[in-house]
């Protein structure tokens, strides 16, 4: 049976890899990105998010078997918070009724090993309060005091916390929607290419994200994990953040986290 899956970030990286894998197995993919996608919209703006949701619903005919939020940005910019947190939430919440209309709905987001690193607690709190204006203002202040490197981890930490909070609610689990996340380590994508071009950053990444199992990942490795997460075979996972990171999380946090 052909399933209809909406995927954001399909123009490159993990989203593109996942879209290819899904299409290979016969699924209908509705891709969302700034360009080169079925739906071209900017998830960093409120209008862009509304356009994305409206367009996907129209193309899907009102029912979706799956939604995967892969679109994300890194860097010292408030856009990190806008896209990685508020853009993801707007997409998932806007498409939730279409998921609830499907017989075996699944949803997934892309978190990150970075979500276990140091964060700006005020930015995280503003995100979880749903106050985008405050979160962006706090992000701008973080940049001014040269703490902008905390914004990406903050956006991913907030996303994981939101997921664990809502996945088991009547609106999600209660309507049969399995909502979970994959948290990659370092993935070889266009987003990370500038980091690899910087010798100092390569050293920082090696320390912060050690990956003893097979090193840095190709986007297809994350795509395969996401493909299973949103498959009908995944019947009982809810609110889980699965680290597909070459062992980085286990190395850094160790056994005592449990």
C-alpha atoms as a PDB file:
ATOM      1  CA  UNK A   1       0.000   0.000   0.000  1.00  0.00           C
ATOM      2  CA  UNK A   2       1.334   3.402  -0.978  1.00  0.00           C
ATOM      3  CA  UNK A   3       1.748   5.710   1.993  1.00  0.00           C
ATOM      4  CA  UNK A   4       1.768   9.519   1.843  1.00  0.00           C
ATOM      5  CA  UNK A   5       4.684  11.037   3.760  1.00  0.00           C
ATOM      6  CA  UNK A   6       5.509  14.735   4.187  1.00  0.00           C
ATOM      7  CA  UNK A   7       9.228  15.405   4.678  1.00  0.00           C
ATOM      8  CA  UNK A   8      10.823  18.790   5.288  1.00  0.00           C
ATOM      9  CA  UNK A   9      14.371  19.566   4.190  1.00  0.00           C
ATOM     10  CA  UNK A  10      14.257  17.380   1.079  1.00  0.00           C
ATOM     11  CA  UNK A  11      16.545  19.584  -1.017  1.00  0.00           C
ATOM     12  CA  UNK A  12      19.687  18.255   0.678  1.00  0.00           C
ATOM     13  CA  UNK A  13      21.186  16.190   3.467  1.00  0.00           C
ATOM     14  CA  UNK A  14      19.131  13.858   5.639  1.00  0.00           C
ATOM     15  CA  UNK A  15      15.796  14.976   4.204  1.00  0.00           C
ATOM     16  CA  UNK A  16      16.926  14.276   0.670  1.00  0.00           C
ATOM     17  CA  UNK A  17      18.294  10.868   1.633  1.00  0.00           C
ATOM     18  CA  UNK A  18      15.087   9.915   3.436  1.00  0.00           C
ATOM     19  CA  UNK A  19      12.885  11.080   0.573  1.00  0.00           C
ATOM     20  CA  UNK A  20      14.881   8.884  -1.818  1.00  0.00           C
ATOM     21  CA  UNK A  21      14.565   5.836   0.421  1.00  0.00           C
ATOM     22  CA  UNK A  22      10.825   6.316   0.816  1.00  0.00           C
ATOM     23  CA  UNK A  23      10.256   6.766  -2.898  1.00  0.00           C
ATOM     24  CA  UNK A  24      12.294   3.649  -3.622  1.00  0.00           C
ATOM     25  CA  UNK A  25       9.855   1.619  -1.549  1.00  0.00           C
ATOM     26  CA  UNK A  26       6.878   3.118  -3.351  1.00  0.00           C
ATOM     27  CA  UNK A  27       5.755   5.829  -0.949  1.00  0.00           C
ATOM     28  CA  UNK A  28       4.439   9.181  -2.122  1.00  0.00           C
ATOM     29  CA  UNK A  29       6.686  11.885  -0.683  1.00  0.00           C
ATOM     30  CA  UNK A  30       5.618  15.501  -0.368  1.00  0.00           C
ATOM     31  CA  UNK A  31       8.889  17.378  -0.017  1.00  0.00           C
ATOM     32  CA  UNK A  32       9.184  20.737   1.723  1.00  0.00           C
ATOM     33  CA  UNK A  33      12.136  23.101   1.431  1.00  0.00           C
ATOM     34  CA  UNK A  34      13.137  26.612   0.456  1.00  0.00           C
ATOM     35  CA  UNK A  35      13.596  25.474  -3.152  1.00  0.00           C
ATOM     36  CA  UNK A  36      13.704  22.327  -5.288  1.00  0.00           C
ATOM     37  CA  UNK A  37      10.753  20.767  -3.478  1.00  0.00           C
ATOM     38  CA  UNK A  38       7.065  19.984  -3.972  1.00  0.00           C
ATOM     39  CA  UNK A  39       6.286  22.703  -1.452  1.00  0.00           C
ATOM     40  CA  UNK A  40       8.626  25.691  -1.378  1.00  0.00           C
ATOM     41  CA  UNK A  41       8.243  27.532   1.908  1.00  0.00           C
ATOM     42  CA  UNK A  42      10.362  29.186   4.571  1.00  0.00           C
ATOM     43  CA  UNK A  43       9.861  27.436   7.914  1.00  0.00           C
ATOM     44  CA  UNK A  44      11.734  30.263   9.595  1.00  0.00           C
ATOM     45  CA  UNK A  45       8.699  32.555   9.249  1.00  0.00           C
ATOM     46  CA  UNK A  46       5.112  32.291  10.439  1.00  0.00           C
ATOM     47  CA  UNK A  47       3.756  32.934   6.941  1.00  0.00           C
ATOM     48  CA  UNK A  48       6.077  30.312   5.472  1.00  0.00           C
ATOM     49  CA  UNK A  49       4.937  27.720   7.991  1.00  0.00           C
ATOM     50  CA  UNK A  50       1.280  28.434   7.273  1.00  0.00           C
ATOM     51  CA  UNK A  51       1.968  28.121   3.535  1.00  0.00           C
ATOM     52  CA  UNK A  52       3.770  24.814   4.082  1.00  0.00           C
ATOM     53  CA  UNK A  53       0.937  23.308   6.103  1.00  0.00           C
ATOM     54  CA  UNK A  54      -1.762  24.527   3.714  1.00  0.00           C
ATOM     55  CA  UNK A  55       0.127  23.259   0.663  1.00  0.00           C
ATOM     56  CA  UNK A  56       0.889  19.840   2.143  1.00  0.00           C
ATOM     57  CA  UNK A  57      -2.733  19.359   3.188  1.00  0.00           C
ATOM     58  CA  UNK A  58      -3.886  20.233  -0.294  1.00  0.00           C
ATOM     59  CA  UNK A  59      -1.446  17.826  -1.961  1.00  0.00           C
ATOM     60  CA  UNK A  60      -2.190  15.074   0.544  1.00  0.00           C
ATOM     61  CA  UNK A  61      -5.939  15.319   0.220  1.00  0.00           C
ATOM     62  CA  UNK A  62      -6.445  15.762   3.956  1.00  0.00           C
ATOM     63  CA  UNK A  63      -4.778  12.576   5.248  1.00  0.00           C
ATOM     64  CA  UNK A  64      -1.105  11.763   5.833  1.00  0.00           C
ATOM     65  CA  UNK A  65       0.493   8.473   6.867  1.00  0.00           C
ATOM     66  CA  UNK A  66       3.659  10.164   8.069  1.00  0.00           C
ATOM     67  CA  UNK A  67       5.437  13.448   8.713  1.00  0.00           C
ATOM     68  CA  UNK A  68       9.184  13.830   9.208  1.00  0.00           C
ATOM     69  CA  UNK A  69      10.727  17.177  10.130  1.00  0.00           C
ATOM     70  CA  UNK A  70      14.301  17.111   8.811  1.00  0.00           C
ATOM     71  CA  UNK A  71      14.749  20.784   7.915  1.00  0.00           C
ATOM     72  CA  UNK A  72      17.196  22.570  10.168  1.00  0.00           C
ATOM     73  CA  UNK A  73      19.932  25.158  10.275  1.00  0.00           C
ATOM     74  CA  UNK A  74      23.085  25.612  12.311  1.00  0.00           C
ATOM     75  CA  UNK A  75      25.159  28.669  12.989  1.00  0.00           C
ATOM     76  CA  UNK A  76      25.215  31.720  15.208  1.00  0.00           C
ATOM     77  CA  UNK A  77      21.862  33.159  14.226  1.00  0.00           C
ATOM     78  CA  UNK A  78      18.353  33.413  15.727  1.00  0.00           C
ATOM     79  CA  UNK A  79      17.173  31.541  12.628  1.00  0.00           C
ATOM     80  CA  UNK A  80      18.437  28.416  14.375  1.00  0.00           C
ATOM     81  CA  UNK A  81      15.706  28.779  16.983  1.00  0.00           C
ATOM     82  CA  UNK A  82      13.074  29.846  14.461  1.00  0.00           C
ATOM     83  CA  UNK A  83      13.584  26.873  12.135  1.00  0.00           C
ATOM     84  CA  UNK A  84      14.801  24.089  14.412  1.00  0.00           C
ATOM     85  CA  UNK A  85      12.161  24.568  17.075  1.00  0.00           C
ATOM     86  CA  UNK A  86       9.260  26.760  16.042  1.00  0.00           C
ATOM     87  CA  UNK A  87       9.328  25.672  12.404  1.00  0.00           C
ATOM     88  CA  UNK A  88       9.252  22.010  13.400  1.00  0.00           C
ATOM     89  CA  UNK A  89       6.416  22.491  15.885  1.00  0.00           C
ATOM     90  CA  UNK A  90       4.285  24.486  13.464  1.00  0.00           C
ATOM     91  CA  UNK A  91       4.662  21.808  10.806  1.00  0.00           C
ATOM     92  CA  UNK A  92       3.868  18.892  13.103  1.00  0.00           C
ATOM     93  CA  UNK A  93       1.013  20.578  14.910  1.00  0.00           C
ATOM     94  CA  UNK A  94      -0.469  21.896  11.682  1.00  0.00           C
ATOM     95  CA  UNK A  95      -0.387  18.457  10.069  1.00  0.00           C
ATOM     96  CA  UNK A  96      -1.464  16.493  13.159  1.00  0.00           C
ATOM     97  CA  UNK A  97      -5.165  16.360  12.163  1.00  0.00           C
ATOM     98  CA  UNK A  98      -4.178  14.868   8.792  1.00  0.00           C
ATOM     99  CA  UNK A  99      -2.080  12.267  10.589  1.00  0.00           C
ATOM    100  CA  UNK A 100      -4.962  11.407  12.909  1.00  0.00           C
ATOM    101  CA  UNK A 101      -7.070  10.702   9.814  1.00  0.00           C
ATOM    102  CA  UNK A 102      -4.706   7.910   8.672  1.00  0.00           C
ATOM    103  CA  UNK A 103      -4.951   4.274   9.821  1.00  0.00           C
ATOM    104  CA  UNK A 104      -1.367   3.963  11.110  1.00  0.00           C
ATOM    105  CA  UNK A 105       0.083   7.459  11.460  1.00  0.00           C
ATOM    106  CA  UNK A 106       3.731   8.075  12.317  1.00  0.00           C
ATOM    107  CA  UNK A 107       5.744  11.253  12.915  1.00  0.00           C
ATOM    108  CA  UNK A 108       9.405  11.909  13.570  1.00  0.00           C
ATOM    109  CA  UNK A 109      11.761  14.803  14.098  1.00  0.00           C
ATOM    110  CA  UNK A 110      15.523  15.136  13.827  1.00  0.00           C
ATOM    111  CA  UNK A 111      17.068  16.077  17.151  1.00  0.00           C
ATOM    112  CA  UNK A 112      20.850  15.935  17.727  1.00  0.00           C
ATOM    113  CA  UNK A 113      23.613  14.778  20.031  1.00  0.00           C
ATOM    114  CA  UNK A 114      24.072  18.534  20.477  1.00  0.00           C
ATOM    115  CA  UNK A 115      20.911  18.502  22.563  1.00  0.00           C
ATOM    116  CA  UNK A 116      22.942  16.864  25.346  1.00  0.00           C
ATOM    117  CA  UNK A 117      25.532  19.669  25.320  1.00  0.00           C
ATOM    118  CA  UNK A 118      25.494  22.972  27.198  1.00  0.00           C
ATOM    119  CA  UNK A 119      22.476  25.166  26.421  1.00  0.00           C
ATOM    120  CA  UNK A 120      21.128  28.628  27.120  1.00  0.00           C
ATOM    121  CA  UNK A 121      18.417  27.785  29.680  1.00  0.00           C
ATOM    122  CA  UNK A 122      16.506  31.001  29.041  1.00  0.00           C
ATOM    123  CA  UNK A 123      16.249  30.279  25.320  1.00  0.00           C
ATOM    124  CA  UNK A 124      15.107  26.722  26.036  1.00  0.00           C
ATOM    125  CA  UNK A 125      12.495  27.964  28.515  1.00  0.00           C
ATOM    126  CA  UNK A 126      11.128  30.529  26.058  1.00  0.00           C
ATOM    127  CA  UNK A 127      10.855  27.845  23.389  1.00  0.00           C
ATOM    128  CA  UNK A 128       8.970  25.502  25.707  1.00  0.00           C
ATOM    129  CA  UNK A 129       6.679  28.377  26.695  1.00  0.00           C
ATOM    130  CA  UNK A 130       5.841  28.808  23.006  1.00  0.00           C
ATOM    131  CA  UNK A 131       7.077  32.418  23.009  1.00  0.00           C
ATOM    132  CA  UNK A 132       8.952  32.800  19.727  1.00  0.00           C
ATOM    133  CA  UNK A 133       9.489  36.545  20.061  1.00  0.00           C
ATOM    134  CA  UNK A 134      11.094  36.104  23.477  1.00  0.00           C
ATOM    135  CA  UNK A 135      13.194  33.171  22.296  1.00  0.00           C
ATOM    136  CA  UNK A 136      14.509  35.176  19.345  1.00  0.00           C
ATOM    137  CA  UNK A 137      15.252  38.207  21.539  1.00  0.00           C
ATOM    138  CA  UNK A 138      17.144  35.986  23.973  1.00  0.00           C
ATOM    139  CA  UNK A 139      19.020  34.409  21.064  1.00  0.00           C
ATOM    140  CA  UNK A 140      20.081  37.846  19.880  1.00  0.00           C
ATOM    141  CA  UNK A 141      21.339  38.679  23.376  1.00  0.00           C
ATOM    142  CA  UNK A 142      23.273  35.402  23.473  1.00  0.00           C
ATOM    143  CA  UNK A 143      24.987  36.373  20.235  1.00  0.00           C
ATOM    144  CA  UNK A 144      25.812  39.826  21.617  1.00  0.00           C
ATOM    145  CA  UNK A 145      27.555  38.300  24.625  1.00  0.00           C
ATOM    146  CA  UNK A 146      29.388  35.835  22.349  1.00  0.00           C
ATOM    147  CA  UNK A 147      27.381  32.821  23.511  1.00  0.00           C
ATOM    148  CA  UNK A 148      25.770  32.182  20.145  1.00  0.00           C
ATOM    149  CA  UNK A 149      27.291  28.708  19.950  1.00  0.00           C
ATOM    150  CA  UNK A 150      24.701  27.649  22.533  1.00  0.00           C
ATOM    151  CA  UNK A 151      21.767  28.318  20.195  1.00  0.00           C
ATOM    152  CA  UNK A 152      21.927  25.126  18.142  1.00  0.00           C
ATOM    153  CA  UNK A 153      22.129  22.863  21.221  1.00  0.00           C
ATOM    154  CA  UNK A 154      19.375  24.922  22.830  1.00  0.00           C
ATOM    155  CA  UNK A 155      17.052  24.477  19.862  1.00  0.00           C
ATOM    156  CA  UNK A 156      17.617  20.714  19.788  1.00  0.00           C
ATOM    157  CA  UNK A 157      17.331  20.301  23.559  1.00  0.00           C
ATOM    158  CA  UNK A 158      14.032  22.199  23.555  1.00  0.00           C
ATOM    159  CA  UNK A 159      12.776  20.074  20.673  1.00  0.00           C
ATOM    160  CA  UNK A 160      13.550  16.827  22.501  1.00  0.00           C
ATOM    161  CA  UNK A 161      11.844  18.095  25.647  1.00  0.00           C
ATOM    162  CA  UNK A 162       8.760  19.158  23.701  1.00  0.00           C
ATOM    163  CA  UNK A 163       8.595  15.781  21.998  1.00  0.00           C
ATOM    164  CA  UNK A 164       8.753  13.855  25.277  1.00  0.00           C
ATOM    165  CA  UNK A 165       6.081  16.131  26.740  1.00  0.00           C
ATOM    166  CA  UNK A 166       3.510  15.845  23.950  1.00  0.00           C
ATOM    167  CA  UNK A 167       4.119  12.382  22.458  1.00  0.00           C
ATOM    168  CA  UNK A 168       2.142  10.627  25.179  1.00  0.00           C
ATOM    169  CA  UNK A 169      -0.786  13.065  25.229  1.00  0.00           C
ATOM    170  CA  UNK A 170      -4.323  12.340  23.991  1.00  0.00           C
ATOM    171  CA  UNK A 171      -3.647  14.505  20.927  1.00  0.00           C
ATOM    172  CA  UNK A 172      -0.743  12.319  19.801  1.00  0.00           C
ATOM    173  CA  UNK A 173      -0.558   8.846  21.330  1.00  0.00           C
ATOM    174  CA  UNK A 174      -4.257   9.017  22.097  1.00  0.00           C
ATOM    175  CA  UNK A 175      -5.085   9.291  18.398  1.00  0.00           C
ATOM    176  CA  UNK A 176      -2.651   6.537  17.437  1.00  0.00           C
ATOM    177  CA  UNK A 177       0.183   8.784  16.254  1.00  0.00           C
ATOM    178  CA  UNK A 178       3.634   7.475  17.122  1.00  0.00           C
ATOM    179  CA  UNK A 179       5.907  10.508  17.608  1.00  0.00           C
ATOM    180  CA  UNK A 180       9.649   9.996  18.119  1.00  0.00           C
ATOM    181  CA  UNK A 181      13.044  11.413  17.184  1.00  0.00           C
ATOM    182  CA  UNK A 182      16.384  10.390  15.756  1.00  0.00           C
ATOM    183  CA  UNK A 183      19.369  12.216  17.252  1.00  0.00           C
ATOM    184  CA  UNK A 184      22.364  12.006  14.913  1.00  0.00           C
ATOM    185  CA  UNK A 185      25.973  12.626  15.761  1.00  0.00           C
ATOM    186  CA  UNK A 186      27.990  14.343  13.034  1.00  0.00           C
ATOM    187  CA  UNK A 187      26.548  13.719   9.578  1.00  0.00           C
ATOM    188  CA  UNK A 188      28.313  14.506   6.304  1.00  0.00           C
ATOM    189  CA  UNK A 189      25.876  17.002   4.798  1.00  0.00           C
ATOM    190  CA  UNK A 190      26.090  20.449   3.184  1.00  0.00           C
ATOM    191  CA  UNK A 191      25.228  21.945   6.591  1.00  0.00           C
ATOM    192  CA  UNK A 192      28.334  20.462   8.219  1.00  0.00           C
ATOM    193  CA  UNK A 193      30.691  20.987   5.266  1.00  0.00           C
ATOM    194  CA  UNK A 194      31.939  24.397   6.542  1.00  0.00           C
ATOM    195  CA  UNK A 195      32.842  22.781   9.868  1.00  0.00           C
ATOM    196  CA  UNK A 196      35.030  20.203   8.179  1.00  0.00           C
ATOM    197  CA  UNK A 197      36.762  22.958   6.210  1.00  0.00           C
ATOM    198  CA  UNK A 198      37.943  24.513   9.502  1.00  0.00           C
ATOM    199  CA  UNK A 199      40.801  22.651  11.177  1.00  0.00           C
ATOM    200  CA  UNK A 200      39.978  24.106  14.600  1.00  0.00           C
ATOM    201  CA  UNK A 201      36.351  23.050  14.295  1.00  0.00           C
ATOM    202  CA  UNK A 202      37.368  19.517  13.294  1.00  0.00           C
ATOM    203  CA  UNK A 203      39.281  19.269  16.564  1.00  0.00           C
ATOM    204  CA  UNK A 204      36.312  20.622  18.530  1.00  0.00           C
ATOM    205  CA  UNK A 205      33.955  18.121  16.885  1.00  0.00           C
ATOM    206  CA  UNK A 206      36.295  15.220  17.602  1.00  0.00           C
ATOM    207  CA  UNK A 207      36.236  16.098  21.306  1.00  0.00           C
ATOM    208  CA  UNK A 208      32.570  17.036  21.654  1.00  0.00           C
ATOM    209  CA  UNK A 209      31.160  14.260  19.438  1.00  0.00           C
ATOM    210  CA  UNK A 210      33.455  11.216  19.540  1.00  0.00           C
ATOM    211  CA  UNK A 211      32.064   8.513  17.236  1.00  0.00           C
ATOM    212  CA  UNK A 212      33.897   5.223  17.889  1.00  0.00           C
ATOM    213  CA  UNK A 213      31.553   3.154  15.687  1.00  0.00           C
ATOM    214  CA  UNK A 214      32.318   3.785  11.999  1.00  0.00           C
ATOM    215  CA  UNK A 215      33.056   7.505  12.382  1.00  0.00           C
ATOM    216  CA  UNK A 216      30.990  10.260  10.808  1.00  0.00           C
ATOM    217  CA  UNK A 217      27.697   9.189   9.259  1.00  0.00           C
ATOM    218  CA  UNK A 218      26.378   9.503   5.754  1.00  0.00           C
ATOM    219  CA  UNK A 219      22.846  10.991   5.566  1.00  0.00           C
ATOM    220  CA  UNK A 220      21.490   7.652   4.347  1.00  0.00           C
ATOM    221  CA  UNK A 221      22.323   6.091   7.739  1.00  0.00           C
ATOM    222  CA  UNK A 222      20.022   8.574   9.454  1.00  0.00           C
ATOM    223  CA  UNK A 223      17.455   8.222   6.679  1.00  0.00           C
ATOM    224  CA  UNK A 224      17.266   4.463   7.234  1.00  0.00           C
ATOM    225  CA  UNK A 225      16.610   4.962  10.948  1.00  0.00           C
ATOM    226  CA  UNK A 226      13.900   7.512  10.223  1.00  0.00           C
ATOM    227  CA  UNK A 227      12.351   5.228   7.617  1.00  0.00           C
ATOM    228  CA  UNK A 228      11.870   2.510  10.225  1.00  0.00           C
ATOM    229  CA  UNK A 229      10.682   4.962  12.867  1.00  0.00           C
ATOM    230  CA  UNK A 230       7.756   6.025  10.675  1.00  0.00           C
ATOM    231  CA  UNK A 231       6.999   2.552   9.366  1.00  0.00           C
ATOM    232  CA  UNK A 232       3.820   0.648  10.319  1.00  0.00           C
ATOM    233  CA  UNK A 233       6.102  -1.894  12.011  1.00  0.00           C
ATOM    234  CA  UNK A 234       6.872   0.649  14.731  1.00  0.00           C
ATOM    235  CA  UNK A 235       3.730   0.196  16.786  1.00  0.00           C
ATOM    236  CA  UNK A 236       4.727   1.062  20.348  1.00  0.00           C
ATOM    237  CA  UNK A 237       7.436   3.722  20.454  1.00  0.00           C
ATOM    238  CA  UNK A 238       6.324   7.094  21.813  1.00  0.00           C
ATOM    239  CA  UNK A 239       8.426  10.033  22.944  1.00  0.00           C
ATOM    240  CA  UNK A 240      11.757   8.330  22.326  1.00  0.00           C
ATOM    241  CA  UNK A 241      14.982  10.053  21.239  1.00  0.00           C
ATOM    242  CA  UNK A 242      17.092   7.426  19.497  1.00  0.00           C
ATOM    243  CA  UNK A 243      20.779   8.287  19.147  1.00  0.00           C
ATOM    244  CA  UNK A 244      22.214   7.243  15.783  1.00  0.00           C
ATOM    245  CA  UNK A 245      25.583   8.754  16.551  1.00  0.00           C
ATOM    246  CA  UNK A 246      28.344   6.174  16.315  1.00  0.00           C
ATOM    247  CA  UNK A 247      28.378   5.853  20.091  1.00  0.00           C
ATOM    248  CA  UNK A 248      28.882   9.558  20.863  1.00  0.00           C
ATOM    249  CA  UNK A 249      26.127   9.864  23.462  1.00  0.00           C
ATOM    250  CA  UNK A 250      27.221   6.705  25.291  1.00  0.00           C
ATOM    251  CA  UNK A 251      30.839   7.868  25.217  1.00  0.00           C
ATOM    252  CA  UNK A 252      30.193  11.379  26.510  1.00  0.00           C
ATOM    253  CA  UNK A 253      27.441  10.722  29.067  1.00  0.00           C
ATOM    254  CA  UNK A 254      28.564   7.246  30.091  1.00  0.00           C
ATOM    255  CA  UNK A 255      26.576   4.510  31.844  1.00  0.00           C
ATOM    256  CA  UNK A 256      25.526   6.524  34.886  1.00  0.00           C
ATOM    257  CA  UNK A 257      22.881   8.452  32.937  1.00  0.00           C
ATOM    258  CA  UNK A 258      20.707   5.451  33.800  1.00  0.00           C
END
